[in-house]
Amino acid sequence: MRTGKIIDIKCKCGFLLFRYFKAGKGRLIKLMISRLSDDHVGLAGASTLSRPQCPNCGKELGIIMMIHGEPALKLNQGTIEGVRV
């Protein structure tokens, strides 16, 4: 694994959704489920093409897709606080 940092990902309502190992620079577009350290939404058992929601406010976070052969959450940019590393 490349170098990176662990970041907190929050909903716009302020609820902590995930702690995620972010490798590389730039915006957060997709979350590889294998890189999650804390999951307060329950993505680990979710099926492909499901649309998880924020447990606090109910906003849709994105869609779970297969990206590079592993499950990932393709984020809806309007529902999370801006994360740029």
C-alpha atoms as a PDB file:
ATOM      1  CA  MET A   1       0.000   0.000   0.000  1.00  0.00           C
ATOM      2  CA  ARG A   2       1.230   3.451  -0.831  1.00  0.00           C
ATOM      3  CA  THR A   3       1.674   6.147   1.745  1.00  0.00           C
ATOM      4  CA  GLY A   4      -1.363   8.132   2.706  1.00  0.00           C
ATOM      5  CA  LYS A   5      -3.359   9.230   5.712  1.00  0.00           C
ATOM      6  CA  ILE A   6      -6.483   8.287   7.596  1.00  0.00           C
ATOM      7  CA  ILE A   7      -9.231  10.882   7.200  1.00  0.00           C
ATOM      8  CA  ASP A   8     -12.676  11.358   8.755  1.00  0.00           C
ATOM      9  CA  ILE A   9     -15.575  11.530   6.333  1.00  0.00           C
ATOM     10  CA  LYS A  10     -18.659  13.347   7.604  1.00  0.00           C
ATOM     11  CA  CYS A  11     -22.107  13.995   6.218  1.00  0.00           C
ATOM     12  CA  LYS A  12     -23.166  17.616   5.704  1.00  0.00           C
ATOM     13  CA  CYS A  13     -25.323  17.217   8.856  1.00  0.00           C
ATOM     14  CA  GLY A  14     -22.100  16.610  10.855  1.00  0.00           C
ATOM     15  CA  PHE A  15     -22.487  12.846  11.465  1.00  0.00           C
ATOM     16  CA  LEU A  16     -19.225  10.858  11.258  1.00  0.00           C
ATOM     17  CA  LEU A  17     -19.745   8.273   8.500  1.00  0.00           C
ATOM     18  CA  PHE A  18     -16.328   6.646   7.987  1.00  0.00           C
ATOM     19  CA  ARG A  19     -12.645   6.720   8.802  1.00  0.00           C
ATOM     20  CA  TYR A  20     -10.837   5.994   5.554  1.00  0.00           C
ATOM     21  CA  PHE A  21      -7.239   5.425   4.426  1.00  0.00           C
ATOM     22  CA  LYS A  22      -6.770   7.966   1.611  1.00  0.00           C
ATOM     23  CA  ALA A  23      -3.830   7.301  -0.684  1.00  0.00           C
ATOM     24  CA  GLY A  24      -2.778   9.987  -3.120  1.00  0.00           C
ATOM     25  CA  LYS A  25      -3.775  13.603  -3.607  1.00  0.00           C
ATOM     26  CA  GLY A  26      -6.962  15.287  -4.707  1.00  0.00           C
ATOM     27  CA  ARG A  27     -10.673  15.026  -4.057  1.00  0.00           C
ATOM     28  CA  LEU A  28     -12.363  11.982  -2.630  1.00  0.00           C
ATOM     29  CA  ILE A  29     -14.452  10.470  -5.447  1.00  0.00           C
ATOM     30  CA  LYS A  30     -14.816   6.833  -4.413  1.00  0.00           C
ATOM     31  CA  LEU A  31     -14.298   4.833  -1.225  1.00  0.00           C
ATOM     32  CA  MET A  32     -12.779   1.386  -1.584  1.00  0.00           C
ATOM     33  CA  ILE A  33     -14.609  -0.634   1.074  1.00  0.00           C
ATOM     34  CA  SER A  34     -11.460  -2.620   1.931  1.00  0.00           C
ATOM     35  CA  ARG A  35      -9.732   0.633   3.077  1.00  0.00           C
ATOM     36  CA  LEU A  36     -12.393   1.601   5.661  1.00  0.00           C
ATOM     37  CA  SER A  37     -11.187   1.474   9.250  1.00  0.00           C
ATOM     38  CA  ASP A  38     -14.404   2.613  10.998  1.00  0.00           C
ATOM     39  CA  ASP A  39     -17.745   2.129   9.259  1.00  0.00           C
ATOM     40  CA  HIS A  40     -20.734   3.751  10.983  1.00  0.00           C
ATOM     41  CA  VAL A  41     -23.053   3.135   8.006  1.00  0.00           C
ATOM     42  CA  GLY A  42     -22.653  -0.621   7.470  1.00  0.00           C
ATOM     43  CA  LEU A  43     -21.116  -0.858   3.997  1.00  0.00           C
ATOM     44  CA  ALA A  44     -19.270  -4.113   4.690  1.00  0.00           C
ATOM     45  CA  GLY A  45     -22.260  -6.370   3.992  1.00  0.00           C
ATOM     46  CA  ALA A  46     -24.021  -4.197   1.403  1.00  0.00           C
ATOM     47  CA  SER A  47     -24.735  -5.568  -2.064  1.00  0.00           C
ATOM     48  CA  THR A  48     -23.636  -4.069  -5.374  1.00  0.00           C
ATOM     49  CA  LEU A  49     -25.877  -1.272  -6.722  1.00  0.00           C
ATOM     50  CA  SER A  50     -27.325  -0.562  -3.264  1.00  0.00           C
ATOM     51  CA  ARG A  51     -27.608   3.064  -2.215  1.00  0.00           C
ATOM     52  CA  PRO A  52     -26.589   3.561   1.460  1.00  0.00           C
ATOM     53  CA  GLN A  53     -27.975   6.489   3.435  1.00  0.00           C
ATOM     54  CA  CYS A  54     -26.759   8.627   6.317  1.00  0.00           C
ATOM     55  CA  PRO A  55     -28.098   7.106   9.557  1.00  0.00           C
ATOM     56  CA  ASN A  56     -28.669  10.578  11.005  1.00  0.00           C
ATOM     57  CA  CYS A  57     -30.414  12.593   8.255  1.00  0.00           C
ATOM     58  CA  GLY A  58     -31.281   9.959   5.624  1.00  0.00           C
ATOM     59  CA  LYS A  59     -29.462  11.543   2.667  1.00  0.00           C
ATOM     60  CA  GLU A  60     -28.216   9.176  -0.029  1.00  0.00           C
ATOM     61  CA  LEU A  61     -24.408   8.837   0.111  1.00  0.00           C
ATOM     62  CA  GLY A  62     -23.825   7.280  -3.320  1.00  0.00           C
ATOM     63  CA  ILE A  63     -23.941   3.898  -5.024  1.00  0.00           C
ATOM     64  CA  ILE A  64     -21.894   0.751  -4.413  1.00  0.00           C
ATOM     65  CA  MET A  65     -20.169  -0.414  -7.605  1.00  0.00           C
ATOM     66  CA  MET A  66     -17.397  -2.786  -8.616  1.00  0.00           C
ATOM     67  CA  ILE A  67     -14.339  -0.632  -9.419  1.00  0.00           C
ATOM     68  CA  HIS A  68     -11.075  -2.349 -10.427  1.00  0.00           C
ATOM     69  CA  GLY A  69     -12.516  -5.689  -9.310  1.00  0.00           C
ATOM     70  CA  GLU A  70     -13.441  -4.718  -5.751  1.00  0.00           C
ATOM     71  CA  PRO A  71     -16.528  -3.095  -4.198  1.00  0.00           C
ATOM     72  CA  ALA A  72     -16.397   0.661  -3.750  1.00  0.00           C
ATOM     73  CA  LEU A  73     -18.800   3.456  -2.829  1.00  0.00           C
ATOM     74  CA  LYS A  74     -19.022   6.033  -5.634  1.00  0.00           C
ATOM     75  CA  LEU A  75     -19.787   9.144  -3.586  1.00  0.00           C
ATOM     76  CA  ASN A  76     -22.526  11.677  -4.143  1.00  0.00           C
ATOM     77  CA  GLN A  77     -20.486  14.870  -3.703  1.00  0.00           C
ATOM     78  CA  GLY A  78     -23.442  16.907  -2.419  1.00  0.00           C
ATOM     79  CA  THR A  79     -23.948  14.841   0.723  1.00  0.00           C
ATOM     80  CA  ILE A  80     -20.472  14.748   2.279  1.00  0.00           C
ATOM     81  CA  GLU A  81     -18.301  17.552   3.600  1.00  0.00           C
ATOM     82  CA  GLY A  82     -15.515  18.515   1.215  1.00  0.00           C
ATOM     83  CA  VAL A  83     -12.450  16.319   1.669  1.00  0.00           C
ATOM     84  CA  ARG A  84      -9.301  17.270  -0.193  1.00  0.00           C
ATOM     85  CA  VAL A  85      -5.857  15.915   0.614  1.00  0.00           C
END
